[in-house]
N, C-alpha and C. Protein backbone atom coordinates (compact mmCIF):
# COMPACT_ATOMS: atom_id res chain seq x y z
N UNK A 1 -61.54 112.85 276.20
CA UNK A 1 -60.38 112.88 276.98
C UNK A 1 -59.11 113.50 276.19
N UNK A 2 -58.54 114.76 276.77
CA UNK A 2 -57.81 115.58 275.62
C UNK A 2 -56.32 114.68 275.36
N UNK A 3 -55.75 114.91 274.38
CA UNK A 3 -54.42 114.19 274.33
C UNK A 3 -53.68 114.50 275.31
N UNK A 4 -53.31 115.86 275.98
CA UNK A 4 -52.20 116.23 276.84
C UNK A 4 -52.39 115.68 278.23
N UNK A 5 -53.95 115.57 278.62
CA UNK A 5 -54.48 114.86 279.68
C UNK A 5 -53.76 113.53 279.76
N UNK A 6 -54.04 112.96 278.67
CA UNK A 6 -53.79 111.50 278.45
C UNK A 6 -52.33 111.19 278.83
N UNK A 7 -51.50 111.98 278.04
CA UNK A 7 -50.09 111.72 277.98
C UNK A 7 -49.87 112.25 279.37
N UNK A 8 -50.22 113.24 280.14
CA UNK A 8 -49.54 113.43 281.38
C UNK A 8 -50.17 112.41 282.32
N UNK A 9 -51.10 111.87 282.13
CA UNK A 9 -51.62 110.71 283.19
C UNK A 9 -50.77 109.49 282.99
N UNK A 10 -50.39 109.05 281.98
CA UNK A 10 -49.74 108.26 281.43
C UNK A 10 -48.27 108.35 281.79
N UNK A 11 -47.92 109.49 281.86
CA UNK A 11 -46.55 109.91 282.70
C UNK A 11 -46.42 109.76 284.03
N UNK A 12 -47.52 109.90 284.39
CA UNK A 12 -47.65 109.72 286.07
C UNK A 12 -47.12 108.28 286.25
N UNK A 13 -47.89 107.56 285.61
CA UNK A 13 -47.81 105.97 285.97
C UNK A 13 -46.58 105.51 285.32
N UNK A 14 -45.79 106.12 284.16
CA UNK A 14 -44.39 105.82 284.03
C UNK A 14 -43.52 106.14 285.19
N UNK A 15 -43.67 107.10 285.26
CA UNK A 15 -42.65 107.65 286.58
C UNK A 15 -43.10 107.05 287.79
N UNK A 16 -43.83 106.71 287.96
CA UNK A 16 -44.44 105.95 289.27
C UNK A 16 -43.90 104.35 289.33
N UNK A 17 -43.74 103.85 287.97
CA UNK A 17 -42.97 102.55 287.78
C UNK A 17 -41.59 102.53 287.91
N UNK A 18 -40.81 103.79 287.49
CA UNK A 18 -39.41 103.70 287.73
C UNK A 18 -39.23 104.08 288.79
N UNK A 19 -39.85 104.62 289.64
CA UNK A 19 -39.63 105.00 291.05
C UNK A 19 -39.56 103.92 292.05
N UNK A 20 -40.62 103.27 291.58
CA UNK A 20 -40.68 101.82 292.36
C UNK A 20 -39.72 100.78 292.16
N UNK A 21 -39.20 100.73 290.75
CA UNK A 21 -38.32 99.92 290.33
C UNK A 21 -37.13 100.12 290.95
N UNK A 22 -36.63 101.53 290.87
CA UNK A 22 -35.33 102.10 291.89
C UNK A 22 -35.65 101.92 293.14
N UNK A 23 -36.65 102.08 293.73
CA UNK A 23 -36.74 101.85 295.04
C UNK A 23 -36.38 100.35 295.65
N UNK A 24 -37.01 99.64 294.44
CA UNK A 24 -36.49 98.22 295.18
C UNK A 24 -35.01 97.60 294.62
N UNK A 25 -34.71 98.45 293.67
CA UNK A 25 -33.34 98.04 293.19
C UNK A 25 -32.49 98.33 294.60
N UNK A 26 -32.53 99.77 295.16
CA UNK A 26 -31.56 99.98 296.06
C UNK A 26 -32.03 100.00 297.53
N UNK A 27 -33.43 99.00 297.58
CA UNK A 27 -33.44 98.87 299.06
C UNK A 27 -34.41 100.03 299.74
N UNK A 28 -34.93 100.98 298.97
CA UNK A 28 -35.31 102.40 299.54
C UNK A 28 -36.75 101.99 299.58
N UNK A 29 -37.50 101.61 300.66
CA UNK A 29 -39.14 101.58 300.64
C UNK A 29 -39.87 103.01 300.56
N UNK A 30 -39.13 103.85 301.14
CA UNK A 30 -40.01 105.06 300.78
C UNK A 30 -39.98 105.74 299.32
N UNK A 31 -39.04 105.18 298.56
CA UNK A 31 -39.18 105.50 297.14
C UNK A 31 -40.04 104.63 296.53
N UNK A 32 -39.86 103.35 296.88
CA UNK A 32 -40.91 102.29 296.11
C UNK A 32 -42.41 102.68 296.43
N UNK A 33 -42.68 103.19 297.71
CA UNK A 33 -43.97 103.82 298.27
C UNK A 33 -44.57 105.11 297.35
N UNK A 34 -43.53 105.86 297.14
CA UNK A 34 -43.89 107.06 296.15
C UNK A 34 -44.10 106.39 294.90
N UNK A 35 -43.42 105.65 294.27
CA UNK A 35 -43.92 105.31 293.02
C UNK A 35 -45.19 104.54 292.96
N UNK A 36 -45.51 103.77 293.79
CA UNK A 36 -46.69 103.12 293.78
C UNK A 36 -47.87 104.17 293.81
N UNK A 37 -47.70 105.27 294.79
CA UNK A 37 -48.32 106.36 295.11
C UNK A 37 -48.57 107.42 293.53
N UNK A 38 -47.68 107.40 292.88
CA UNK A 38 -47.65 107.97 291.52
C UNK A 38 -48.26 107.25 290.71
N UNK A 39 -48.40 105.97 290.67
CA UNK A 39 -49.22 105.24 289.63
C UNK A 39 -50.90 105.22 290.23
N UNK A 40 -50.89 105.16 291.69
CA UNK A 40 -52.53 105.47 291.80
C UNK A 40 -52.77 106.71 291.32
N UNK A 41 -51.98 107.95 291.56
CA UNK A 41 -52.24 109.36 290.98
C UNK A 41 -52.46 109.36 289.67
N UNK A 42 -51.92 108.57 288.79
CA UNK A 42 -52.14 108.77 287.33
C UNK A 42 -53.33 108.13 287.12
N UNK A 43 -53.49 106.71 287.77
CA UNK A 43 -54.81 105.89 287.61
C UNK A 43 -56.11 106.57 287.97
N UNK A 44 -55.92 107.34 288.87
CA UNK A 44 -57.21 108.17 289.64
C UNK A 44 -57.52 109.35 288.32
N UNK A 45 -56.32 110.20 288.14
CA UNK A 45 -56.45 111.16 286.90
C UNK A 45 -57.22 110.53 285.98
N UNK A 46 -56.84 109.31 285.30
CA UNK A 46 -57.24 108.86 284.26
C UNK A 46 -58.65 108.25 284.30
N UNK A 47 -59.16 107.87 285.52
CA UNK A 47 -60.53 107.57 285.70
C UNK A 47 -61.17 108.93 285.60
N UNK A 48 -61.14 109.79 286.28
CA UNK A 48 -61.47 111.32 286.16
C UNK A 48 -62.16 111.49 284.90
N UNK A 49 -61.00 111.24 283.88
CA UNK A 49 -60.98 112.25 282.76
C UNK A 49 -61.99 111.23 281.79
N UNK A 50 -61.93 109.55 282.14
CA UNK A 50 -63.26 108.96 281.29
C UNK A 50 -64.29 109.08 281.75
N UNK A 51 -64.45 109.86 283.27
CA UNK A 51 -65.78 109.97 283.40
C UNK A 51 -66.32 111.22 283.15
N UNK A 52 -65.58 112.16 282.81
CA UNK A 52 -65.78 113.59 282.30
C UNK A 52 -66.44 113.14 280.97
N UNK A 53 -65.59 112.20 280.07
CA UNK A 53 -65.86 112.03 278.92
C UNK A 53 -67.15 111.19 278.40
N UNK A 54 -67.47 110.46 279.70
CA UNK A 54 -68.97 109.64 279.60
C UNK A 54 -69.81 110.46 279.76
N UNK A 55 -69.70 111.66 280.64
CA UNK A 55 -70.63 112.48 280.77
C UNK A 55 -70.97 113.62 279.48
N UNK A 56 -69.57 114.03 278.71
CA UNK A 56 -70.11 114.84 277.53
C UNK A 56 -70.77 113.90 276.67
N UNK A 57 -70.59 112.62 276.34
CA UNK A 57 -71.26 111.62 275.41
C UNK A 57 -72.62 111.53 275.62
N UNK A 58 -72.96 111.35 277.07
CA UNK A 58 -74.28 111.32 277.20
C UNK A 58 -75.28 112.77 277.12
N UNK A 59 -74.71 113.68 277.01
CA UNK A 59 -74.80 115.19 276.75
C UNK A 59 -75.07 115.37 275.30
N UNK A 60 -74.26 114.75 274.77
CA UNK A 60 -74.36 114.76 273.34
C UNK A 60 -75.43 114.38 272.68
N UNK A 61 -75.98 113.47 273.03
CA UNK A 61 -77.04 112.50 272.43
C UNK A 61 -78.41 112.94 272.94
């Protein structure tokens, strides 16, 4: 996984946590949901990158 991809995926997760917390604080359910969606998106991207790394490692050996 490249460093820039890893940082971007982590950024999505952090942004999502912030949105979710802000949504809870102000009582905005839509913002909370967007925050959760951002977190899921970051997790999915990270899982995809890990799968690519696993395939690369298999092909190396």
